[in-house]
Amino acid sequence: MANTRKQLGARIPEDVVRLAGQRAADRNMSVGDYIADLVRADAEGLRQRAMSSAERFLADHQALFDEAETPASSPESTGKGIRAA
């Protein structure tokens, strides 16, 4: 990821601005870096929740997937009814 910086303007309540400044200072970070870290953590959290949901879905429905992948009794799968030319 490139380290290119872009300025962002946003209207944020004064108490939130003060709190962001305090939290950033506690971490020896700029407010911009602090906000960027929050956004990255939020995005990673979304990704983790999506992956967990997908894993649960697959686990809950694994038998159905296994059944769909198992060939049905057909002339091709049993060898019956197939003649050499």
C-alpha atoms as a PDB file:
ATOM      1  CA  MET A   1       0.000   0.000   0.000  1.00  0.00           C
ATOM      2  CA  ALA A   2       1.385   3.388  -0.952  1.00  0.00           C
ATOM      3  CA  ASN A   3       2.059   5.890   1.789  1.00  0.00           C
ATOM      4  CA  THR A   4       0.398   8.701  -0.158  1.00  0.00           C
ATOM      5  CA  ARG A   5      -1.467  11.116   2.088  1.00  0.00           C
ATOM      6  CA  LYS A   6      -4.698  12.858   1.247  1.00  0.00           C
ATOM      7  CA  GLN A   7      -6.316  15.618   3.270  1.00  0.00           C
ATOM      8  CA  LEU A   8      -9.848  14.994   4.466  1.00  0.00           C
ATOM      9  CA  GLY A   9     -12.327  17.544   5.754  1.00  0.00           C
ATOM     10  CA  ALA A  10     -15.222  16.412   7.909  1.00  0.00           C
ATOM     11  CA  ARG A  11     -17.642  18.053  10.320  1.00  0.00           C
ATOM     12  CA  ILE A  12     -17.295  16.241  13.619  1.00  0.00           C
ATOM     13  CA  PRO A  13     -18.796  17.206  16.988  1.00  0.00           C
ATOM     14  CA  GLU A  14     -16.351  19.175  19.159  1.00  0.00           C
ATOM     15  CA  ASP A  15     -16.407  16.612  21.963  1.00  0.00           C
ATOM     16  CA  VAL A  16     -15.429  13.864  19.509  1.00  0.00           C
ATOM     17  CA  VAL A  17     -12.609  16.023  18.113  1.00  0.00           C
ATOM     18  CA  ARG A  18     -11.290  16.582  21.655  1.00  0.00           C
ATOM     19  CA  LEU A  19     -11.579  12.895  22.455  1.00  0.00           C
ATOM     20  CA  ALA A  20      -9.798  11.909  19.226  1.00  0.00           C
ATOM     21  CA  GLY A  21      -7.003  14.354  20.034  1.00  0.00           C
ATOM     22  CA  GLN A  22      -6.645  12.962  23.559  1.00  0.00           C
ATOM     23  CA  ARG A  23      -6.665   9.332  22.412  1.00  0.00           C
ATOM     24  CA  ALA A  24      -4.144  10.082  19.655  1.00  0.00           C
ATOM     25  CA  ALA A  25      -1.875  11.900  22.125  1.00  0.00           C
ATOM     26  CA  ASP A  26      -2.097   8.941  24.529  1.00  0.00           C
ATOM     27  CA  ARG A  27      -0.698   6.798  21.729  1.00  0.00           C
ATOM     28  CA  ASN A  28       1.875   9.364  20.556  1.00  0.00           C
ATOM     29  CA  MET A  29       0.096   9.559  17.192  1.00  0.00           C
ATOM     30  CA  SER A  30      -1.336  12.296  15.049  1.00  0.00           C
ATOM     31  CA  VAL A  31      -5.124  12.500  14.910  1.00  0.00           C
ATOM     32  CA  GLY A  32      -4.938  11.543  11.235  1.00  0.00           C
ATOM     33  CA  ASP A  33      -2.917   8.399  11.989  1.00  0.00           C
ATOM     34  CA  TYR A  34      -5.262   7.550  14.860  1.00  0.00           C
ATOM     35  CA  ILE A  35      -8.335   7.855  12.628  1.00  0.00           C
ATOM     36  CA  ALA A  36      -6.635   5.838   9.871  1.00  0.00           C
ATOM     37  CA  ASP A  37      -5.902   3.061  12.397  1.00  0.00           C
ATOM     38  CA  LEU A  38      -9.542   3.077  13.536  1.00  0.00           C
ATOM     39  CA  VAL A  39     -10.776   2.751   9.954  1.00  0.00           C
ATOM     40  CA  ARG A  40      -8.331  -0.076   9.212  1.00  0.00           C
ATOM     41  CA  ALA A  41      -9.337  -1.913  12.398  1.00  0.00           C
ATOM     42  CA  ASP A  42     -13.007  -1.493  11.514  1.00  0.00           C
ATOM     43  CA  ALA A  43     -12.446  -2.794   7.984  1.00  0.00           C
ATOM     44  CA  GLU A  44     -10.465  -5.776   9.285  1.00  0.00           C
ATOM     45  CA  GLY A  45     -13.261  -6.491  11.752  1.00  0.00           C
ATOM     46  CA  LEU A  46     -15.779  -6.536   8.910  1.00  0.00           C
ATOM     47  CA  ARG A  47     -13.583  -8.933   6.968  1.00  0.00           C
ATOM     48  CA  GLN A  48     -13.200 -11.210   9.985  1.00  0.00           C
ATOM     49  CA  ARG A  49     -16.962 -11.249  10.605  1.00  0.00           C
ATOM     50  CA  ALA A  50     -17.616 -12.063   6.951  1.00  0.00           C
ATOM     51  CA  MET A  51     -15.070 -14.892   6.986  1.00  0.00           C
ATOM     52  CA  SER A  52     -16.536 -16.292  10.216  1.00  0.00           C
ATOM     53  CA  SER A  53     -20.029 -16.174   8.745  1.00  0.00           C
ATOM     54  CA  ALA A  54     -18.853 -17.960   5.608  1.00  0.00           C
ATOM     55  CA  GLU A  55     -17.131 -20.646   7.690  1.00  0.00           C
ATOM     56  CA  ARG A  56     -20.288 -21.180   9.778  1.00  0.00           C
ATOM     57  CA  PHE A  57     -22.410 -21.392   6.618  1.00  0.00           C
ATOM     58  CA  LEU A  58     -20.108 -23.982   5.079  1.00  0.00           C
ATOM     59  CA  ALA A  59     -19.999 -26.018   8.294  1.00  0.00           C
ATOM     60  CA  ASP A  60     -23.789 -25.907   8.686  1.00  0.00           C
ATOM     61  CA  HIS A  61     -24.370 -27.059   5.113  1.00  0.00           C
ATOM     62  CA  GLN A  62     -21.372 -29.342   4.537  1.00  0.00           C
ATOM     63  CA  ALA A  63     -23.542 -32.459   4.187  1.00  0.00           C
ATOM     64  CA  LEU A  64     -25.513 -30.794   1.419  1.00  0.00           C
ATOM     65  CA  PHE A  65     -22.314 -29.849  -0.420  1.00  0.00           C
ATOM     66  CA  ASP A  66     -20.950 -33.380   0.009  1.00  0.00           C
ATOM     67  CA  GLU A  67     -24.180 -34.829  -1.374  1.00  0.00           C
ATOM     68  CA  ALA A  68     -24.062 -32.506  -4.374  1.00  0.00           C
ATOM     69  CA  GLU A  69     -20.497 -33.597  -5.149  1.00  0.00           C
ATOM     70  CA  THR A  70     -21.261 -37.327  -4.889  1.00  0.00           C
ATOM     71  CA  PRO A  71     -22.163 -38.765  -8.289  1.00  0.00           C
ATOM     72  CA  ALA A  72     -25.686 -40.158  -8.496  1.00  0.00           C
ATOM     73  CA  SER A  73     -26.328 -43.697  -9.697  1.00  0.00           C
ATOM     74  CA  SER A  74     -26.172 -43.241 -13.409  1.00  0.00           C
ATOM     75  CA  PRO A  75     -24.928 -45.451 -16.203  1.00  0.00           C
ATOM     76  CA  GLU A  76     -21.760 -43.347 -16.304  1.00  0.00           C
ATOM     77  CA  SER A  77     -21.025 -43.762 -12.589  1.00  0.00           C
ATOM     78  CA  THR A  78     -21.937 -47.473 -12.328  1.00  0.00           C
ATOM     79  CA  GLY A  79     -20.484 -48.605 -15.628  1.00  0.00           C
ATOM     80  CA  LYS A  80     -23.762 -50.362 -16.482  1.00  0.00           C
ATOM     81  CA  GLY A  81     -25.262 -49.698 -19.844  1.00  0.00           C
ATOM     82  CA  ILE A  82     -22.043 -48.385 -21.344  1.00  0.00           C
ATOM     83  CA  ARG A  83     -20.815 -50.247 -24.378  1.00  0.00           C
ATOM     84  CA  ALA A  84     -17.520 -50.003 -26.141  1.00  0.00           C
ATOM     85  CA  ALA A  85     -17.731 -48.902 -29.734  1.00  0.00           C
END
